[in-house]
Protein backbone atom coordinates (compact mmCIF):
# COMPACT_ATOMS: atom_id res chain seq x y z
CA MET A 1 -26.80 -7.34 -1.69
CA TYR A 2 -26.55 -5.21 1.45
CA GLN A 3 -25.81 -1.54 1.01
CA LEU A 4 -23.74 0.37 3.55
CA ILE A 5 -25.31 3.12 5.57
CA ASN A 6 -24.90 6.63 4.09
CA LYS A 7 -23.32 5.35 0.87
CA THR A 8 -20.13 3.37 0.51
CA LYS A 9 -17.79 6.12 -0.66
CA LYS A 10 -15.98 6.69 2.62
CA ILE A 11 -16.50 3.28 4.14
CA SER A 12 -12.91 2.65 5.12
CA MET A 13 -12.26 5.89 7.01
CA LYS A 14 -15.53 6.81 8.69
CA PHE A 15 -14.89 6.85 12.41
CA PHE A 16 -17.54 4.36 13.53
CA LYS A 17 -17.12 2.98 17.01
CA PRO A 18 -16.41 -0.73 16.77
CA ILE A 19 -19.69 -2.54 17.28
CA LEU A 20 -18.16 -5.71 18.60
CA ILE A 21 -14.62 -5.93 19.91
CA THR A 22 -13.93 -9.19 21.66
CA CYS A 23 -10.40 -9.41 20.24
CA THR A 24 -9.77 -12.59 22.25
CA PHE A 25 -7.85 -14.20 19.41
CA ALA A 26 -5.63 -11.14 19.19
CA MET A 27 -4.11 -11.60 22.62
CA PHE A 28 -0.84 -12.57 21.01
CA LEU A 29 -0.98 -9.91 18.33
CA GLY A 30 0.92 -6.80 19.46
CA ALA A 31 -1.68 -4.12 18.79
CA CYS A 32 -4.36 -6.19 20.52
CA THR A 33 -2.38 -7.72 23.36
CA LYS A 34 -3.94 -5.49 26.00
CA LEU A 35 -6.61 -7.46 27.81
CA ASP A 36 -8.40 -4.36 29.04
CA GLU A 37 -9.52 -3.13 25.62
CA THR A 38 -12.66 -1.04 25.73
CA VAL A 39 -15.77 -3.06 24.93
CA TYR A 40 -18.34 -0.81 23.32
CA SER A 41 -21.15 -3.35 23.37
CA LYS A 42 -22.13 -6.46 25.26
CA LEU A 43 -24.04 -7.76 22.25
CA THR A 44 -23.35 -11.36 21.35
CA ALA A 45 -23.90 -13.56 18.33
CA ASP A 46 -27.27 -14.59 19.75
CA ASN A 47 -28.77 -11.12 19.61
CA PHE A 48 -26.71 -9.26 16.99
CA TYR A 49 -26.63 -8.96 13.18
CA LYS A 50 -30.37 -9.25 12.81
CA THR A 51 -30.66 -6.37 10.37
CA PRO A 52 -28.70 -5.22 7.31
CA GLU A 53 -27.79 -2.02 9.20
CA GLU A 54 -26.09 -4.03 11.95
CA VAL A 55 -24.16 -6.04 9.39
CA ASN A 56 -23.12 -2.84 7.63
CA ALA A 57 -21.81 -1.36 10.86
CA GLY A 58 -19.73 -4.46 11.56
CA LEU A 59 -18.42 -4.49 8.00
CA VAL A 60 -17.37 -0.85 8.25
CA ASN A 61 -15.36 -1.71 11.35
CA VAL A 62 -13.30 -4.31 9.45
CA TYR A 63 -12.56 -1.87 6.63
CA TYR A 64 -11.67 0.75 9.20
CA ARG A 65 -9.16 -1.56 10.82
CA TYR A 66 -7.60 -2.29 7.44
CA ALA A 67 -7.37 1.43 6.71
CA GLY A 68 -5.60 1.88 10.02
CA ALA A 69 -2.97 -0.60 8.87
CA HIS A 70 -2.11 1.63 5.89
CA ILE A 71 -2.70 5.32 6.56
CA TRP A 72 0.43 5.87 8.62
CA LEU A 73 4.02 5.94 7.44
CA GLN A 74 5.11 2.45 8.48
CA GLN A 75 4.33 0.55 5.27
CA TRP A 76 6.00 3.37 3.33
CA GLN A 77 9.07 2.99 5.52
CA LEU A 78 9.40 -0.75 4.96
CA GLN A 79 8.69 -0.73 1.23
CA GLU A 80 10.16 2.58 0.11
CA CYS A 81 12.72 3.82 2.67
CA SER A 82 14.62 0.56 2.27
CA THR A 83 15.35 1.75 -1.31
CA ASP A 84 16.24 4.99 -3.07
CA HIS A 85 12.54 5.88 -3.16
CA GLY A 86 12.28 7.36 0.30
CA MET A 87 14.02 8.90 3.27
CA CYS A 88 12.99 11.17 6.13
CA ARG A 89 15.13 13.64 8.04
CA TRP A 90 13.16 13.43 11.28
CA GLY A 91 15.36 10.69 12.73
CA ASP A 92 12.70 9.07 14.94
CA GLY A 93 15.13 6.91 16.85
CA ASP A 94 17.21 6.07 13.80
CA VAL A 95 14.46 3.95 12.22
CA TYR A 96 14.94 5.62 8.83
CA LYS A 97 18.67 5.01 9.05
CA GLN A 98 17.99 1.34 9.74
CA ASP A 99 15.63 1.24 6.75
CA GLN A 100 18.25 2.69 4.43
CA LEU A 101 21.10 0.52 5.71
CA HIS A 102 18.98 -2.65 6.02
CA THR A 103 20.04 -2.99 9.65
CA TRP A 104 16.58 -3.34 11.20
CA SER A 105 16.08 -5.76 14.06
CA SER A 106 13.09 -7.49 15.65
CA GLN A 107 12.66 -4.36 17.78
CA HIS A 108 12.26 -2.01 14.79
CA GLY A 109 9.15 -0.03 15.73
CA PRO A 110 7.50 0.53 12.32
CA ASN A 111 8.04 -3.12 11.43
CA GLY A 112 6.20 -4.13 14.58
CA ASP A 113 3.39 -1.69 13.83
CA VAL A 114 2.85 -3.13 10.34
CA TYR A 115 2.75 -6.71 11.62
CA ASN A 116 0.47 -5.88 14.54
CA ASN A 117 -1.93 -3.72 12.55
CA LEU A 118 -2.39 -6.35 9.85
CA TYR A 119 -3.14 -8.98 12.47
CA GLY A 120 -5.43 -6.52 14.21
CA THR A 121 -7.44 -6.36 10.99
CA ILE A 122 -7.47 -10.16 10.82
CA ALA A 123 -8.76 -10.27 14.40
CA SER A 124 -11.54 -7.86 13.51
CA ALA A 125 -12.43 -9.91 10.42
CA ASN A 126 -12.50 -13.17 12.38
CA ASN A 127 -14.78 -11.68 15.04
CA PHE A 128 -17.12 -10.33 12.38
CA LEU A 129 -17.23 -13.59 10.42
CA GLU A 130 -17.91 -15.71 13.50
CA THR A 131 -20.79 -13.49 14.52
CA LEU A 132 -22.15 -13.23 10.98
CA ASP A 133 -22.12 -17.00 10.65
CA LYS A 134 -24.77 -17.23 13.40
CA SER A 135 -27.00 -14.65 11.77
CA THR A 136 -30.14 -15.74 9.92
CA LEU A 137 -30.04 -12.88 7.41
CA THR A 138 -30.45 -13.80 3.78
CA GLY A 139 -27.47 -13.01 1.56
CA LYS A 140 -24.90 -13.00 4.34
CA GLU A 141 -22.64 -15.24 2.23
CA VAL A 142 -21.83 -12.30 -0.05
CA ILE A 143 -20.72 -10.14 2.88
CA ALA A 144 -18.72 -13.04 4.30
CA ALA A 145 -16.90 -13.41 0.96
CA GLU A 146 -16.04 -9.70 1.02
CA VAL A 147 -14.55 -9.88 4.51
CA LYS A 148 -12.66 -13.09 3.72
CA ALA A 149 -11.12 -11.37 0.70
CA LEU A 150 -10.08 -8.44 2.86
CA ARG A 151 -8.61 -10.82 5.45
CA ALA A 152 -6.78 -12.71 2.70
CA THR A 153 -5.28 -9.41 1.53
CA CYS A 154 -3.79 -8.95 5.00
CA TYR A 155 -2.31 -12.45 4.80
CA MET A 156 -0.93 -11.69 1.34
CA GLU A 157 0.86 -8.64 2.73
CA LEU A 158 2.15 -10.62 5.71
CA CYS A 159 3.36 -13.37 3.38
CA ASP A 160 5.22 -10.78 1.33
CA LEU A 161 6.88 -9.03 4.25
CA TYR A 162 7.46 -11.86 6.74
CA GLY A 163 7.20 -15.18 4.90
CA ASN A 164 6.18 -17.86 7.42
CA VAL A 165 3.35 -16.46 9.53
CA PRO A 166 0.50 -17.98 11.56
CA ILE A 167 -2.81 -18.56 9.81
CA VAL A 168 -5.64 -17.90 12.24
CA THR A 169 -9.30 -17.91 11.26
CA ALA A 170 -10.88 -18.32 14.71
CA ALA A 171 -11.97 -15.42 16.89
CA THR A 172 -10.88 -17.18 20.06
CA LEU A 173 -7.64 -19.00 20.80
CA ASP A 174 -6.67 -21.47 23.46
CA GLN A 175 -3.84 -19.78 25.34
CA LYS A 176 -2.38 -23.23 25.97
CA ASP A 177 -2.27 -23.98 22.24
CA LEU A 178 -1.20 -20.79 20.47
CA PRO A 179 -0.49 -21.01 16.74
CA THR A 180 2.90 -21.41 15.16
CA ASN A 181 4.17 -20.18 11.82
CA ALA A 182 2.68 -21.69 8.69
CA LYS A 183 5.07 -22.25 5.80
CA ARG A 184 5.12 -19.38 3.34
CA ALA A 185 3.89 -21.63 0.52
CA ASP A 186 0.96 -22.70 2.72
CA VAL A 187 0.07 -19.07 3.40
CA PHE A 188 0.09 -18.53 -0.36
CA THR A 189 -2.22 -21.52 -0.87
CA PHE A 190 -4.59 -20.26 1.83
CA VAL A 191 -4.78 -16.79 0.26
CA GLU A 192 -5.25 -18.22 -3.23
CA LYS A 193 -8.21 -20.33 -2.10
CA GLU A 194 -9.80 -17.47 -0.15
CA PHE A 195 -9.50 -15.17 -3.17
CA LYS A 196 -10.90 -17.74 -5.60
CA ASP A 197 -13.80 -18.56 -3.29
CA ALA A 198 -14.58 -14.87 -2.89
CA ILE A 199 -14.58 -14.28 -6.65
CA VAL A 200 -17.44 -16.76 -7.00
CA SER A 201 -19.66 -14.81 -4.60
CA LEU A 202 -18.68 -11.17 -4.99
CA PRO A 203 -20.62 -8.84 -7.28
CA ALA A 204 -18.95 -7.69 -10.49
CA LEU A 205 -18.40 -4.00 -11.04
CA LYS A 206 -18.92 -4.48 -14.76
CA ASP A 207 -22.55 -5.42 -14.02
CA MET A 208 -23.24 -2.32 -11.93
CA ALA A 209 -24.91 0.70 -13.43
CA ASN A 210 -22.97 2.96 -11.05
CA LYS A 211 -19.77 1.22 -10.05
CA LYS A 212 -18.44 4.31 -8.27
CA ALA A 213 -21.28 4.06 -5.77
CA TYR A 214 -19.70 0.78 -4.66
CA TYR A 215 -16.17 2.20 -4.31
CA PRO A 216 -13.94 1.36 -2.46
CA ARG A 217 -15.39 -1.99 -1.41
CA PHE A 218 -13.96 -5.27 -2.67
CA ALA A 219 -15.72 -6.51 -5.81
CA LYS A 220 -14.97 -9.43 -8.12
CA GLU A 221 -12.51 -7.42 -10.22
CA THR A 222 -10.66 -6.19 -7.11
CA VAL A 223 -9.86 -9.73 -6.08
CA GLN A 224 -8.95 -10.77 -9.61
CA ALA A 225 -6.39 -7.95 -9.65
CA LEU A 226 -5.01 -9.05 -6.28
CA LEU A 227 -4.64 -12.61 -7.55
CA ALA A 228 -2.72 -11.35 -10.57
CA LYS A 229 -0.32 -9.52 -8.28
CA MET A 230 0.09 -12.55 -6.04
CA TYR A 231 0.84 -14.81 -9.02
CA LEU A 232 3.43 -12.27 -10.19
CA ASN A 233 5.35 -12.99 -6.98
CA ALA A 234 4.51 -16.70 -6.72
CA GLN A 235 8.06 -17.83 -7.44
CA VAL A 236 9.30 -15.79 -4.48
CA TYR A 237 6.55 -17.02 -2.18
CA THR A 238 6.45 -20.70 -3.16
CA GLY A 239 9.44 -21.48 -5.37
CA THR A 240 7.16 -22.14 -8.37
CA ALA A 241 6.48 -19.54 -11.07
CA ARG A 242 2.85 -18.89 -12.04
CA TRP A 243 3.30 -16.56 -15.01
CA GLN A 244 0.40 -17.91 -17.06
CA ASP A 245 -1.96 -17.64 -14.08
CA CYS A 246 -0.78 -14.06 -13.65
CA ILE A 247 -1.59 -13.30 -17.28
CA THR A 248 -4.98 -15.00 -17.02
CA TYR A 249 -6.08 -12.84 -14.11
CA CYS A 250 -4.65 -9.68 -15.64
CA ASP A 251 -6.76 -10.41 -18.71
CA LEU A 252 -9.87 -10.86 -16.57
CA VAL A 253 -9.32 -7.39 -15.13
CA ILE A 254 -8.43 -5.83 -18.48
CA ASN A 255 -11.31 -7.43 -20.37
CA SER A 256 -13.85 -6.45 -17.73
CA GLY A 257 -13.70 -2.91 -19.13
CA VAL A 258 -14.13 -1.51 -15.61
CA TYR A 259 -10.83 0.34 -15.39
CA LYS A 260 -8.89 2.65 -17.67
CA LEU A 261 -5.75 4.72 -17.54
CA GLU A 262 -6.09 8.38 -16.63
CA PRO A 263 -4.78 10.72 -19.35
CA ASN A 264 -2.56 12.24 -16.64
CA ILE A 265 -1.03 10.19 -13.83
CA TRP A 266 -1.70 13.07 -11.42
CA ASN A 267 -5.44 12.44 -11.75
CA ALA A 268 -4.98 9.09 -10.00
CA THR A 269 -3.63 10.76 -6.86
CA ALA A 270 -5.59 14.02 -6.96
CA PRO A 271 -7.75 15.21 -4.04
CA ASP A 272 -10.79 13.90 -5.95
CA ASN A 273 -9.16 10.65 -7.04
CA ASP A 274 -12.09 8.71 -5.64
CA LYS A 275 -13.64 9.50 -9.04
CA SER A 276 -10.71 7.98 -10.96
CA ASP A 277 -11.35 4.95 -13.16
CA GLU A 278 -7.72 3.92 -12.67
CA LEU A 279 -8.00 3.02 -8.98
CA ILE A 280 -8.58 -0.63 -8.13
CA MET A 281 -7.86 -0.48 -4.40
CA ALA A 282 -7.54 2.59 -2.20
CA ILE A 283 -7.99 3.81 1.34
CA SER A 284 -10.89 6.23 1.18
CA LYS A 285 -10.56 9.47 3.15
CA ASP A 286 -11.95 12.94 3.57
CA ASN A 287 -10.44 16.21 4.79
CA LYS A 288 -12.26 16.25 8.12
CA LYS A 289 -10.26 13.40 9.69
CA PHE A 290 -6.61 13.31 10.66
CA ASP A 291 -4.44 11.33 8.28
CA PHE A 292 -0.72 11.55 8.89
CA ALA A 293 0.61 9.89 5.74
CA VAL A 294 -0.92 12.08 3.08
CA ALA A 295 -0.09 15.15 5.14
CA CYS A 296 3.54 14.15 4.91
CA TRP A 297 3.32 13.41 1.22
CA THR A 298 1.49 16.47 -0.09
CA ASN A 299 2.86 19.38 1.92
CA ILE A 300 6.52 20.22 1.61
CA LEU A 301 7.00 23.43 3.56
CA SER A 302 7.07 23.84 7.29
CA THR A 303 7.42 27.43 8.50
CA PRO A 304 4.61 29.94 9.20
CA ALA A 305 5.80 32.31 6.48
CA GLU A 306 5.04 29.68 3.90
CA VAL A 307 1.29 29.35 4.51
CA GLU A 308 0.61 31.81 1.71
CA GLY A 309 1.27 28.99 -0.72
CA ALA A 310 4.12 27.96 -2.96
CA TYR A 311 4.08 28.42 -6.70
CA ARG A 312 6.15 26.75 -9.37
CA ASN A 313 5.65 27.32 -13.07
CA GLY A 314 2.49 29.21 -12.22
CA LYS A 315 0.93 26.29 -10.32
CA LEU A 316 -0.03 26.49 -6.66
CA LEU A 317 1.69 23.60 -4.95
CA VAL A 318 1.04 24.09 -1.28
CA LYS A 319 -1.69 26.16 0.31
CA TYR A 320 -0.75 25.46 3.89
CA GLY A 321 2.39 24.63 5.81
CA GLY A 322 3.21 20.93 6.03
CA TRP A 323 5.39 18.43 7.77
CA GLY A 324 8.44 18.77 5.55
CA GLY A 325 10.10 15.46 6.36
CA PRO A 326 9.62 12.57 3.91
CA ALA A 327 11.47 12.95 0.63
CA THR A 328 12.92 10.91 -2.19
CA LEU A 329 16.59 10.71 -3.12
CA GLU A 330 18.39 12.40 -5.99
CA GLN A 331 19.47 8.93 -7.05
CA HIS A 332 15.86 8.13 -7.89
CA TYR A 333 15.15 11.59 -9.34
CA ASN A 334 17.94 11.10 -11.88
CA THR A 335 16.29 7.97 -13.32
CA TYR A 336 13.67 10.11 -15.15
CA GLU A 337 14.17 11.71 -18.54
CA ASP A 338 13.75 15.46 -18.37
CA ALA A 339 10.72 15.23 -20.67
CA ASP A 340 8.96 12.81 -18.31
CA PHE A 341 6.04 14.52 -16.54
CA ARG A 342 6.59 12.28 -13.51
CA LYS A 343 9.91 14.02 -12.89
CA SER A 344 8.03 17.26 -12.25
CA LEU A 345 6.23 15.59 -9.35
CA ILE A 346 9.53 15.60 -7.46
CA LEU A 347 10.53 19.10 -6.42
CA SER A 348 14.16 19.92 -7.02
CA GLY A 349 15.37 23.50 -7.02
CA PRO A 350 13.68 26.80 -6.10
CA VAL A 351 10.05 27.05 -5.06
CA TYR A 352 8.49 30.53 -4.99
CA GLY A 353 5.52 32.17 -3.32
CA GLN A 354 2.79 33.77 -5.41
CA THR A 355 4.50 37.17 -5.23
CA GLY A 356 7.69 35.71 -6.65
CA ASN A 357 9.51 35.48 -3.35
CA LEU A 358 11.79 32.49 -2.91
CA LEU A 359 10.35 30.19 -0.25
CA VAL A 360 12.76 27.30 -0.30
CA THR A 361 15.28 25.55 -2.49
CA MET A 362 14.70 21.81 -2.60
CA LYS A 363 17.93 19.86 -2.71
CA ASP A 364 19.09 16.33 -2.07
CA PHE A 365 20.23 15.36 1.41
CA THR A 366 23.60 17.07 1.39
CA ASN A 367 25.16 15.54 4.47
CA THR A 368 26.65 12.14 3.74
CA ASP A 369 26.43 11.29 7.44
CA ILE A 370 23.01 9.71 7.87
CA TYR A 371 23.00 10.68 11.54
CA LYS A 372 23.28 14.41 10.89
CA PHE A 373 20.38 15.73 8.88
CA THR A 374 20.05 19.48 9.28
CA ASP A 375 16.26 19.35 9.70
CA LYS A 376 15.72 22.49 7.66
CA PRO A 377 13.05 23.07 4.99
CA GLY A 378 14.28 22.02 1.59
CA GLU A 379 16.45 19.09 2.60
CA GLY A 380 15.52 16.07 0.53
CA LEU A 381 13.60 16.19 -2.76
CA ALA A 382 9.94 16.59 -1.91
CA CYS A 383 7.41 14.43 -3.72
CA ILE A 384 4.06 15.96 -4.64
CA LYS A 385 2.73 12.89 -6.43
CA TYR A 386 -0.27 13.17 -4.12
CA GLN A 387 -1.53 16.53 -5.31
CA PRO A 388 -1.71 19.14 -2.56
CA ASP A 389 -5.34 19.70 -1.63
CA LEU A 390 -6.50 23.27 -2.17
CA ASP A 391 -9.93 22.78 -0.65
CA PRO A 392 -10.61 25.43 2.03
CA LEU A 393 -11.23 22.67 4.59
CA SER A 394 -7.88 21.07 3.90
CA SER A 395 -4.95 22.21 6.01
CA GLY A 396 -1.82 20.49 7.22
CA PRO A 397 -2.76 16.88 7.83
CA LEU A 398 -6.31 17.15 6.49
CA GLN A 399 -6.32 15.92 2.90
CA ARG A 400 -8.99 14.35 0.70
CA ASN A 401 -6.66 12.32 -1.52
CA ASP A 402 -7.51 8.62 -1.26
CA LEU A 403 -4.41 6.56 -0.54
CA VAL A 404 -3.68 4.38 -3.59
CA LEU A 405 -2.99 0.68 -2.96
CA LEU A 406 -3.44 -0.72 -6.48
CA ARG A 407 -4.28 0.84 -9.82
CA TYR A 408 -4.87 -0.28 -13.38
CA ALA A 409 -1.42 0.83 -14.58
CA ASP A 410 0.06 -1.84 -12.30
CA ILE A 411 -2.05 -4.56 -13.92
CA LEU A 412 -0.78 -3.55 -17.37
CA LEU A 413 2.87 -3.58 -16.29
CA THR A 414 2.28 -6.80 -14.36
CA LYS A 415 1.02 -8.51 -17.51
CA ALA A 416 3.96 -7.11 -19.49
CA GLU A 417 6.41 -8.66 -17.05
CA ALA A 418 4.60 -11.99 -16.92
CA LEU A 419 4.48 -12.22 -20.72
CA THR A 420 8.23 -11.61 -20.94
CA ARG A 421 9.11 -14.07 -18.19
CA LEU A 422 6.83 -16.72 -19.67
CA ALA A 423 8.63 -16.32 -22.99
CA GLY A 424 11.86 -17.12 -21.14
CA GLY A 425 13.84 -14.13 -22.36
CA GLN A 426 15.24 -10.90 -21.00
CA SER A 427 14.00 -8.65 -23.82
CA LEU A 428 10.37 -7.57 -23.80
CA THR A 429 7.92 -9.25 -26.14
CA GLY A 430 5.96 -7.19 -28.64
CA ASP A 431 2.77 -7.41 -26.59
CA ALA A 432 4.66 -6.42 -23.46
CA VAL A 433 6.07 -3.36 -25.21
CA GLN A 434 2.56 -2.19 -26.12
CA LEU A 435 1.42 -2.52 -22.52
CA VAL A 436 4.39 -0.60 -21.16
CA ASN A 437 3.99 2.17 -23.70
CA ALA A 438 0.30 2.51 -22.87
CA VAL A 439 1.32 3.46 -19.33
CA ARG A 440 4.51 5.31 -20.16
CA GLY A 441 3.20 7.30 -23.10
CA ARG A 442 0.90 9.60 -21.16
CA ASN A 443 3.92 11.10 -19.39
CA PHE A 444 5.59 12.45 -22.55
CA THR A 445 4.45 15.14 -24.99
CA PRO A 446 5.32 14.19 -27.64
CA PHE A 447 6.05 10.53 -26.96
CA ASN A 448 8.07 10.00 -30.13
CA GLY A 449 11.59 8.92 -29.23
CA PHE A 450 10.78 7.79 -25.69
CA GLU A 451 8.93 4.55 -26.49
CA PHE A 452 9.95 1.14 -25.21
CA THR A 453 10.86 -1.39 -27.91
CA THR A 454 11.72 -5.07 -27.98
CA SER A 455 15.31 -4.06 -27.29
CA ASN A 456 14.28 -3.04 -23.79
CA THR A 457 14.84 -5.62 -21.07
CA LEU A 458 13.24 -6.79 -17.84
CA ASP A 459 15.68 -4.55 -15.97
CA ASP A 460 14.32 -1.60 -17.95
CA LEU A 461 10.82 -2.67 -16.94
CA LEU A 462 11.86 -2.71 -13.29
CA LYS A 463 13.12 0.86 -13.66
CA GLU A 464 9.85 1.84 -15.30
CA ARG A 465 7.91 0.31 -12.41
CA SER A 466 10.11 2.32 -10.06
CA ARG A 467 9.30 5.56 -11.88
CA GLU A 468 5.60 4.83 -12.23
CA PHE A 469 4.88 3.57 -8.71
CA LEU A 470 7.05 5.86 -6.60
CA TRP A 471 5.67 5.96 -3.03
CA GLU A 472 2.95 3.40 -3.75
CA CYS A 473 4.55 0.91 -1.37
CA SER A 474 5.52 -1.85 -3.79
CA TYR A 475 9.14 -1.16 -4.78
CA ARG A 476 10.79 -3.42 -2.21
CA THR A 477 8.54 -6.27 -3.39
CA ASP A 478 9.61 -5.61 -6.99
CA LEU A 479 13.29 -5.56 -6.06
CA VAL A 480 12.99 -8.85 -4.19
CA ARG A 481 11.31 -10.45 -7.20
CA PHE A 482 14.15 -9.26 -9.44
CA GLY A 483 16.80 -10.49 -6.99
CA LYS A 484 18.10 -6.97 -6.40
CA PHE A 485 16.85 -5.94 -2.98
CA THR A 486 19.88 -7.09 -0.98
CA LYS A 487 22.09 -5.28 -3.51
CA VAL A 488 20.35 -1.93 -3.15
CA ARG A 489 22.80 0.99 -3.12
CA THR A 490 22.13 4.47 -1.82
CA LYS A 491 24.47 7.27 -0.78
CA TRP A 492 24.51 5.71 2.71
CA LYS A 493 24.27 2.00 1.88
CA LEU A 494 27.32 1.16 -0.16
CA THR A 495 27.65 -2.61 0.30
CA ASP A 496 25.48 -5.69 -0.22
CA ASP A 497 23.45 -7.20 2.59
CA ALA A 498 24.58 -10.38 4.29
CA ALA A 499 25.20 -13.21 1.83
CA ASP A 500 22.39 -15.32 3.28
CA GLY A 501 19.82 -12.84 1.92
CA HIS A 502 17.82 -12.85 5.15
CA THR A 503 16.90 -9.17 4.75
CA ASN A 504 14.55 -10.11 1.91
CA LEU A 505 12.17 -10.73 4.82
CA PHE A 506 11.54 -8.59 7.87
CA PRO A 507 11.77 -10.07 11.37
CA ILE A 508 8.79 -11.22 13.39
CA PRO A 509 8.48 -8.48 16.04
CA LEU A 510 10.19 -9.37 19.31
CA GLY A 511 7.04 -8.67 21.29
CA GLN A 512 5.19 -11.36 19.35
CA ILE A 513 7.93 -13.92 19.97
CA GLN A 514 7.90 -13.12 23.67
CA THR A 515 4.11 -13.33 23.92
CA ASN A 516 3.75 -16.51 21.87
CA PRO A 517 6.65 -18.98 22.36
CA ASN A 518 5.29 -21.14 19.53
CA LEU A 519 6.35 -18.54 16.97
CA LYS A 520 9.68 -19.02 15.23
CA GLN A 521 11.82 -16.06 14.22
CA ASN A 522 12.90 -15.62 10.62
CA PRO A 523 16.52 -16.71 10.00
CA GLY A 524 19.17 -14.07 10.50
CA TYR A 525 17.37 -12.18 13.27
């Protein structure tokens, strides 16, 4: 098995120059439509990938592209700002307003960025795989399986957000025969096969003496967890439920013994969360590289006087000034019991400096007109779920917290839902209750009186998922699965979406339609 240069810990965010960027296939994919992209090397498949180091460098580039598709705010906007989980007072051309009101169009900028960046990763993966295929190195099949799993993850996300999307596995396309949309069910089938094939070849973390040395690369258990999540949504994607398959793959992850719940949920998003046994997938980062998203999510204050730090209940919350824009809504804040630790990760009310001086009072967006945010510190309830980084090297946008994409708690709640749905009822089964309480219980001291029981329903489970996975970019997907996304209500969105339900999918970006006439737009756009 090849080992990455200088350890694998920060594989996905090290700023390696791309070793091979032909990007020919990506001509029709927004982020890669420019034909004058910089080529850093003239190396070809005939004289490249002759050593493990060269393979490692190419592999890093694919992970880096995938990281680039997630570190910014766009995925957060689509998945969270379209619900009561998120809002931002910056305005940014009314994109946040469109998210809240579900009035996005094919020209919605963040939507286009998500689509283009995912396909940019696919382009990078296809280039790498085509070159690797011509290499004579022993063991290249294992690396190929890893990259195919990463590529399949991009297609899984595209399937979730856009439905019918092109499936492209070649590095070069004939401009006279550009691809058209594959049916959503066919995208699902493609991803399923790629994941299953990868599982056969990938190494298992449970067999590694030091599994953290392999983090955050894709291993066998990573892909098993992804399959469980895909089967959870199979009925949405294909029209056919796959609850038992979901349970089967959850059990493979659970029984591997690789992962465990943190005693405190904050440990899973801490600055050193790369050490957490709860993380299954994450974007690995350090505090020496710019990362916009976590800067927005950890720092809540934004004036020079606040750099001294903010204290609440004796705990230093912010060491440096931050962006002070993204926030959650009071509507979501009120879904937590007061005794729930997770409620304390949303700042509501006064925040003081270390000398006891009042820095800011965090309050819900007070203006009911979505066009007229005041843009002052304290507007919107700040979320510090990603712990502020107190490392001396961390300031403003420079944070060490790895960006969580999937963690073990999700697998437990996924199995709980699948068990209940397979049983055909609305009330949770006994086994499902135990799984939910395993996740929920760590947030209450004592837990007595706050447990789930068999009188709790699937709707209660959805609310628990909302509380547990705030700002982890999965809530829209959950709401769609429960048939509730088009009925989302916030203080600005007071009516249902159009009766045809077309907003359950986002539009194919207009630029893609214009560049590739073979693409078909999603209905309603």
